[in-house]
Amino acid sequence: MIKVIKRERKLKKSTALYLDYRIDGVRVQEATGLHIYPAKDERTKQLNKDNLLRFEKLRVKKENDLLNNRVALPVNKKKGDFFSYYNDYFVRFPTKERRASAVLNKLKLFYPKSILPFTIVEDESFLVRFKGFLEDSLSGETPHNYFKLFCKVVKHATKEGIFANNPAADIRMKRKEGIPKEVLTMDELKVLAGAGCINVAVKSAFIFSCFTGLRYCDVSRLRWKHISEGKVSMTQAKTGYNVTVDLHEIAVRFLPVVGRPDDLVFALPTTLNGCNKVLKEWVVKSGVNKKITWHCGRHTFGTNLIFYGANILVASSLMGQRSVKYTQRYIRIADSMKEKQIQLLPTF
């Protein structure tokens, strides 16, 4: 008769609950990620009661799976390395998400050892602490986005049988509003256009971005073949989505002399940091009192579209965004700009 029983393992601050069973004569003790804690208050007592109920559901499910031959021998989690698994995941499932490597770097900062055993990741408390680490070390929407990507890999590991149950299933992280980016009004853009800059290419490319919404990663690789019949059309490096924008007369004005189809349009410095350094100096010199980075050009484009009456669906399409929820932030900024304009009306 197949039987799955409960095993307990005393830890320093809790008691871990394990499933104990046999497959083909091989004994398996499988961690559930559930713990019982010293009952110091009513909240802890309730948590223990909930964990015991969850454990019993897992035990019954495992017993049924064994009876129906749906369980294979689990991998050796003590020897398995989650760092390697994470890397392998994005080799098998390539992504344009630049944050994939950034999440791994944060994970290695949080757990500064050469190997991260699956048994560590399987412990829900480890994930909760990593979540807190992200919230403490990052700001805006970034902690949520990083943790979401991390949990995606954990979920896949669960599907592959590395974890009996998804240890991240009950962990929630609220998405915080991103730090508002500065945007430039048309008057401020006019001031910038008239101000001198030590790098003409940076000046031209940034103003071009303010009237097309192109990110630095796109405008830095923009070639003449992407510009035709008064439009710029290219596949975005970040999302893989194609975007086509009619060129505003100011955008056209800041284009250099036309080159061959495969020539770069703008001869920019090789790094974003290099461009931002020039940009910062130029903005300060112009007298515009705002902290401007290259990505503010994209926000300027989106906000000015809404400010001057563009439909949100049109604005979303022109920016090559997958959902209008990303465009809605520009409505809030545009509304704020309109409120400031109202305050400029004279009184009597």
Protein backbone atom coordinates (compact mmCIF):
# COMPACT_ATOMS: atom_id res chain seq x y z
CA MET A 1 0.00 0.00 0.00
CA ILE A 2 1.34 3.43 -0.97
CA LYS A 3 1.47 5.82 1.95
CA VAL A 4 2.70 9.40 2.26
CA ILE A 5 3.42 10.45 5.82
CA LYS A 6 4.37 13.68 7.53
CA ARG A 7 7.94 14.20 8.74
CA GLU A 8 9.19 17.10 10.80
CA ARG A 9 12.64 18.59 10.94
CA LYS A 10 13.59 20.89 13.81
CA LEU A 11 15.26 24.08 12.64
CA LYS A 12 16.63 27.01 14.62
CA LYS A 13 13.47 29.11 14.46
CA SER A 14 10.84 26.71 13.13
CA THR A 15 9.92 23.14 12.30
CA ALA A 16 9.97 22.24 8.60
CA LEU A 17 7.33 19.87 7.24
CA TYR A 18 8.33 17.12 4.77
CA LEU A 19 6.52 14.50 2.72
CA ASP A 20 7.93 11.00 3.28
CA TYR A 21 7.26 8.25 0.71
CA ARG A 22 8.90 5.63 -1.49
CA ILE A 23 9.17 5.29 -5.28
CA ASP A 24 10.40 1.94 -6.63
CA GLY A 25 11.92 1.14 -3.26
CA VAL A 26 13.74 4.49 -3.05
CA ARG A 27 12.86 6.55 0.00
CA VAL A 28 12.13 10.22 -0.69
CA GLN A 29 11.81 13.04 1.83
CA GLU A 30 10.41 15.99 -0.06
CA ALA A 31 10.43 19.52 1.34
CA THR A 32 7.12 21.38 1.12
CA GLY A 33 8.36 24.85 2.04
CA LEU A 34 5.85 24.85 4.93
CA HIS A 35 6.89 25.55 8.51
CA ILE A 36 5.44 25.48 12.02
CA TYR A 37 6.55 28.33 14.27
CA PRO A 38 6.54 28.76 18.05
CA ALA A 39 2.98 29.91 18.85
CA LYS A 40 3.66 33.18 20.66
CA ASP A 41 0.46 34.94 19.58
CA GLU A 42 -2.87 34.35 17.87
CA ARG A 43 -1.52 35.36 14.47
CA THR A 44 1.21 32.69 14.61
CA LYS A 45 -1.28 30.09 15.83
CA GLN A 46 -3.48 30.81 12.83
CA LEU A 47 -0.48 30.64 10.47
CA ASN A 48 0.47 27.23 11.88
CA LYS A 49 -3.11 25.99 11.49
CA ASP A 50 -3.19 27.19 7.86
CA ASN A 51 0.17 25.57 7.09
CA LEU A 52 -0.99 22.25 8.52
CA LEU A 53 -4.12 22.38 6.34
CA ARG A 54 -2.01 23.18 3.28
CA PHE A 55 0.35 20.36 4.16
CA GLU A 56 -2.51 17.88 4.39
CA LYS A 57 -3.76 18.91 0.94
CA LEU A 58 -0.27 18.37 -0.46
CA ARG A 59 0.02 15.01 1.27
CA VAL A 60 -3.29 13.76 -0.14
CA LYS A 61 -2.43 15.01 -3.63
CA LYS A 62 1.00 13.34 -3.53
CA GLU A 63 -0.58 10.07 -2.37
CA ASN A 64 -3.09 10.19 -5.24
CA ASP A 65 -0.33 10.97 -7.74
CA LEU A 66 1.69 8.01 -6.49
CA LEU A 67 -1.31 5.72 -6.78
CA ASN A 68 -1.78 6.84 -10.39
CA ASN A 69 1.94 6.63 -11.27
CA ARG A 70 2.20 10.37 -11.88
CA VAL A 71 5.30 10.95 -9.76
CA ALA A 72 8.91 10.53 -10.89
CA LEU A 73 12.04 10.51 -8.75
CA PRO A 74 12.80 14.14 -7.87
CA VAL A 75 16.07 15.75 -8.87
CA ASN A 76 18.85 16.02 -6.30
CA LYS A 77 18.03 19.44 -4.94
CA LYS A 78 21.04 19.55 -2.64
CA LYS A 79 23.37 19.37 -5.63
CA GLY A 80 21.18 21.40 -8.01
CA ASP A 81 22.16 25.04 -8.50
CA PHE A 82 19.41 27.62 -9.05
CA PHE A 83 21.91 30.15 -10.43
CA SER A 84 22.73 27.72 -13.26
CA TYR A 85 19.08 26.81 -13.73
CA TYR A 86 18.19 30.51 -14.06
CA ASN A 87 20.86 31.01 -16.73
CA ASP A 88 19.78 27.86 -18.58
CA TYR A 89 16.15 29.01 -18.51
CA PHE A 90 16.95 32.13 -20.53
CA VAL A 91 19.12 30.09 -22.91
CA ARG A 92 16.15 27.80 -23.60
CA PHE A 93 13.67 30.68 -23.66
CA PRO A 94 15.54 33.73 -25.01
CA THR A 95 14.08 37.07 -24.02
CA LYS A 96 14.56 40.69 -25.00
CA GLU A 97 14.12 41.57 -21.31
CA ARG A 98 17.36 43.31 -20.40
CA ARG A 99 16.45 42.97 -16.74
CA ALA A 100 16.91 39.16 -16.82
CA SER A 101 20.63 39.45 -16.09
CA ALA A 102 20.02 42.31 -13.64
CA VAL A 103 17.70 40.08 -11.58
CA LEU A 104 20.36 37.37 -11.41
CA ASN A 105 22.94 39.94 -10.29
CA LYS A 106 20.63 41.07 -7.50
CA LEU A 107 20.03 37.46 -6.47
CA LYS A 108 23.79 36.87 -6.25
CA LEU A 109 24.19 40.00 -4.15
CA PHE A 110 21.48 38.74 -1.81
CA TYR A 111 22.97 35.22 -1.64
CA PRO A 112 26.73 35.79 -2.17
CA LYS A 113 27.81 32.18 -2.65
CA SER A 114 28.92 30.33 -5.76
CA ILE A 115 25.95 27.92 -5.69
CA LEU A 116 22.33 28.50 -4.70
CA PRO A 117 20.82 25.08 -3.82
CA PHE A 118 17.24 24.38 -4.85
CA THR A 119 16.53 23.52 -1.22
CA ILE A 120 17.20 27.15 -0.27
CA VAL A 121 14.92 28.56 -2.97
CA GLU A 122 12.24 26.05 -1.97
CA ASP A 123 11.97 27.71 1.44
CA GLU A 124 9.25 30.35 1.23
CA SER A 125 11.01 32.48 3.86
CA PHE A 126 14.03 32.82 1.52
CA LEU A 127 11.78 34.24 -1.20
CA VAL A 128 10.11 36.63 1.25
CA ARG A 129 13.52 37.91 2.35
CA PHE A 130 14.66 38.31 -1.27
CA LYS A 131 11.48 40.27 -1.98
CA GLY A 132 12.29 42.57 0.95
CA PHE A 133 15.85 42.95 -0.31
CA LEU A 134 14.58 44.12 -3.71
CA GLU A 135 12.15 46.58 -2.10
CA ASP A 136 14.95 48.03 0.07
CA SER A 137 17.55 48.32 -2.69
CA LEU A 138 15.38 49.44 -5.63
CA SER A 139 12.62 51.97 -6.17
CA GLY A 140 9.49 52.60 -8.21
CA GLU A 141 8.16 49.69 -10.27
CA THR A 142 11.56 47.98 -10.47
CA PRO A 143 11.25 45.71 -7.37
CA HIS A 144 7.90 44.39 -8.61
CA ASN A 145 9.23 43.79 -12.13
CA TYR A 146 12.38 42.03 -10.87
CA PHE A 147 10.49 39.78 -8.46
CA LYS A 148 7.89 38.93 -11.10
CA LEU A 149 10.64 37.74 -13.48
CA PHE A 150 12.32 35.75 -10.70
CA CYS A 151 9.00 34.07 -9.82
CA LYS A 152 8.48 33.19 -13.48
CA VAL A 153 11.62 31.02 -13.36
CA VAL A 154 10.59 29.50 -10.00
CA LYS A 155 7.19 28.63 -11.46
CA HIS A 156 8.81 26.90 -14.42
CA ALA A 157 11.08 24.93 -12.08
CA THR A 158 7.94 23.76 -10.27
CA LYS A 159 6.39 22.62 -13.57
CA GLU A 160 9.52 20.60 -14.27
CA GLY A 161 9.18 18.82 -10.92
CA ILE A 162 12.13 20.47 -9.17
CA PHE A 163 9.76 21.83 -6.53
CA ALA A 164 6.75 19.86 -5.31
CA ASN A 165 4.83 23.11 -5.02
CA ASN A 166 5.55 26.63 -6.17
CA PRO A 167 7.18 28.32 -3.14
CA ALA A 168 6.33 31.74 -4.57
CA ALA A 169 2.63 31.02 -5.12
CA ASP A 170 1.41 32.86 -2.01
CA ILE A 171 3.87 35.76 -2.08
CA ARG A 172 2.54 39.06 -3.33
CA MET A 173 4.38 42.27 -4.11
CA LYS A 174 2.42 45.43 -4.79
CA ARG A 175 3.43 47.44 -7.83
CA LYS A 176 4.44 50.94 -6.78
CA GLU A 177 4.13 53.92 -9.06
CA GLY A 178 7.38 54.57 -10.90
CA ILE A 179 9.37 57.69 -10.09
CA PRO A 180 7.88 60.46 -12.27
CA LYS A 181 10.23 61.29 -15.13
CA GLU A 182 10.77 64.91 -16.07
CA VAL A 183 9.21 65.93 -19.37
CA LEU A 184 9.99 68.93 -21.54
CA THR A 185 7.35 71.37 -22.70
CA MET A 186 7.41 72.73 -26.24
CA ASP A 187 8.79 76.02 -24.90
CA GLU A 188 11.62 74.18 -23.14
CA LEU A 189 12.37 72.16 -26.27
CA LYS A 190 12.61 75.44 -28.19
CA VAL A 191 15.12 76.72 -25.61
CA LEU A 192 17.17 73.53 -25.87
CA ALA A 193 17.13 73.64 -29.66
CA GLY A 194 18.59 77.13 -29.56
CA ALA A 195 21.28 76.33 -26.98
CA GLY A 196 24.78 75.22 -27.92
CA CYS A 197 25.95 71.65 -27.22
CA ILE A 198 29.49 70.23 -27.31
CA ASN A 199 28.23 67.22 -29.30
CA VAL A 200 25.94 68.07 -32.21
CA ALA A 201 24.96 64.43 -32.74
CA VAL A 202 23.74 64.09 -29.14
CA LYS A 203 21.71 67.30 -29.46
CA SER A 204 20.14 66.26 -32.78
CA ALA A 205 19.42 62.67 -31.71
CA PHE A 206 17.83 63.71 -28.41
CA ILE A 207 15.50 66.25 -30.01
CA PHE A 208 14.69 63.61 -32.65
CA SER A 209 13.75 61.23 -29.78
CA CYS A 210 11.52 63.92 -28.24
CA PHE A 211 9.51 64.02 -31.50
CA THR A 212 9.49 60.29 -32.29
CA GLY A 213 9.52 58.55 -28.88
CA LEU A 214 12.49 56.37 -29.83
CA ARG A 215 14.49 54.97 -26.91
CA TYR A 216 18.26 55.41 -26.78
CA CYS A 217 18.72 51.73 -27.72
CA ASP A 218 16.76 52.39 -30.93
CA VAL A 219 17.96 55.86 -31.93
CA SER A 220 21.59 54.79 -31.40
CA ARG A 221 21.18 52.04 -34.02
CA LEU A 222 18.87 53.98 -36.34
CA ARG A 223 19.98 53.67 -39.96
CA TRP A 224 18.91 55.58 -43.04
CA LYS A 225 17.07 52.54 -44.36
CA HIS A 226 14.65 52.96 -41.42
CA ILE A 227 13.62 56.40 -42.72
CA SER A 228 11.48 56.63 -45.84
CA GLU A 229 8.73 58.85 -47.23
CA GLY A 230 8.59 61.06 -44.16
CA LYS A 231 8.31 58.16 -41.71
CA VAL A 232 10.61 56.28 -39.38
CA SER A 233 9.85 52.57 -39.12
CA MET A 234 11.84 49.99 -37.18
CA THR A 235 11.61 47.06 -34.77
CA GLN A 236 12.10 48.14 -31.17
CA ALA A 237 15.10 46.53 -29.48
CA LYS A 238 13.37 46.27 -26.09
CA THR A 239 10.03 44.75 -27.08
CA GLY A 240 10.52 43.32 -30.57
CA TYR A 241 7.43 45.23 -31.73
CA ASN A 242 7.49 47.29 -34.91
CA VAL A 243 6.76 50.99 -34.63
CA THR A 244 6.09 53.51 -37.40
CA VAL A 245 5.95 57.26 -36.74
CA ASP A 246 5.31 60.14 -39.12
CA LEU A 247 8.20 62.58 -38.80
CA HIS A 248 7.34 65.99 -37.35
CA GLU A 249 8.97 68.88 -39.21
CA ILE A 250 11.23 69.55 -36.20
CA ALA A 251 12.41 65.93 -36.21
CA VAL A 252 13.24 66.28 -39.91
CA ARG A 253 15.05 69.56 -39.25
CA PHE A 254 17.47 67.83 -36.87
CA LEU A 255 18.36 64.97 -39.20
CA PRO A 256 21.94 65.13 -40.56
CA VAL A 257 22.87 64.84 -44.24
CA VAL A 258 21.42 61.66 -45.72
CA GLY A 259 23.86 58.76 -45.97
CA ARG A 260 23.81 55.26 -47.44
CA PRO A 261 20.97 52.91 -46.37
CA ASP A 262 23.11 50.97 -43.86
CA ASP A 263 24.85 54.03 -42.41
CA LEU A 264 23.97 55.11 -38.88
CA VAL A 265 21.90 58.29 -38.81
CA PHE A 266 23.52 59.69 -35.64
CA ALA A 267 27.22 59.25 -34.73
CA LEU A 268 26.60 59.03 -30.97
CA PRO A 269 29.02 58.22 -28.14
CA THR A 270 29.30 54.46 -27.62
CA THR A 271 27.49 54.36 -24.27
CA LEU A 272 24.26 55.72 -22.82
CA ASN A 273 26.20 57.12 -19.85
CA GLY A 274 28.39 59.07 -22.25
CA CYS A 275 25.34 60.52 -23.97
CA ASN A 276 23.64 61.39 -20.67
CA LYS A 277 26.78 63.21 -19.50
CA VAL A 278 26.71 65.43 -22.60
CA LEU A 279 22.93 65.83 -22.29
CA LYS A 280 23.16 66.94 -18.65
CA GLU A 281 25.78 69.59 -19.46
CA TRP A 282 23.74 70.86 -22.40
CA VAL A 283 20.50 71.15 -20.37
CA VAL A 284 22.25 73.01 -17.53
CA LYS A 285 23.91 75.37 -20.02
CA SER A 286 20.55 76.09 -21.67
CA GLY A 287 19.01 77.26 -18.38
CA VAL A 288 16.26 74.58 -18.36
CA ASN A 289 15.92 73.73 -14.67
CA LYS A 290 15.07 70.03 -14.95
CA LYS A 291 16.93 66.78 -14.38
CA ILE A 292 16.84 65.29 -17.89
CA THR A 293 18.09 61.89 -18.99
CA TRP A 294 17.75 60.32 -22.42
CA HIS A 295 14.62 58.38 -21.51
CA CYS A 296 12.91 61.68 -20.69
CA GLY A 297 12.81 62.22 -24.46
CA ARG A 298 10.41 59.30 -24.83
CA HIS A 299 8.28 60.55 -21.93
CA THR A 300 8.28 64.03 -23.47
CA PHE A 301 6.94 62.60 -26.75
CA GLY A 302 4.17 60.61 -25.03
CA THR A 303 3.11 63.43 -22.74
CA ASN A 304 3.06 66.09 -25.47
CA LEU A 305 1.00 63.82 -27.71
CA ILE A 306 -1.68 63.60 -25.00
CA PHE A 307 -1.31 67.27 -24.00
CA TYR A 308 -2.04 68.40 -27.57
CA GLY A 309 -5.07 66.15 -27.97
CA ALA A 310 -3.94 62.74 -29.25
CA ASN A 311 -6.23 59.81 -28.49
CA ILE A 312 -4.71 57.37 -25.98
CA LEU A 313 -4.96 54.50 -28.48
CA VAL A 314 -3.14 56.56 -31.11
CA ALA A 315 -0.47 57.60 -28.61
CA SER A 316 0.00 53.99 -27.51
CA SER A 317 0.40 52.86 -31.12
CA LEU A 318 2.87 55.62 -31.98
CA MET A 319 5.02 54.61 -29.01
CA GLY A 320 4.89 50.93 -29.95
CA GLN A 321 3.42 49.94 -26.58
CA ARG A 322 1.66 46.64 -26.02
CA SER A 323 -1.04 48.05 -23.78
CA VAL A 324 -2.64 51.43 -23.10
CA LYS A 325 -1.95 50.92 -19.38
CA TYR A 326 1.63 52.03 -20.08
CA THR A 327 0.33 55.12 -21.89
CA GLN A 328 -2.04 56.15 -19.10
CA ARG A 329 0.84 57.58 -17.08
CA TYR A 330 1.20 60.29 -19.74
CA ILE A 331 -2.42 61.33 -19.24
CA ARG A 332 -1.70 62.07 -15.58
CA ILE A 333 1.40 64.10 -16.46
CA ALA A 334 -0.42 65.97 -19.24
CA ASP A 335 -3.30 66.79 -16.87
CA SER A 336 -0.80 68.15 -14.37
CA MET A 337 0.75 70.33 -17.09
CA LYS A 338 -2.72 71.67 -18.03
CA GLU A 339 -3.41 72.55 -14.39
CA LYS A 340 -0.18 74.56 -14.27
CA GLN A 341 -1.18 76.37 -17.47
CA ILE A 342 -4.50 77.37 -15.88
CA GLN A 343 -2.66 78.90 -12.93
CA LEU A 344 -0.81 81.17 -15.39
CA LEU A 345 -4.05 82.95 -16.34
CA PRO A 346 -4.12 86.51 -14.96
CA THR A 347 -6.40 87.49 -12.12
CA PHE A 348 -8.41 90.67 -11.65
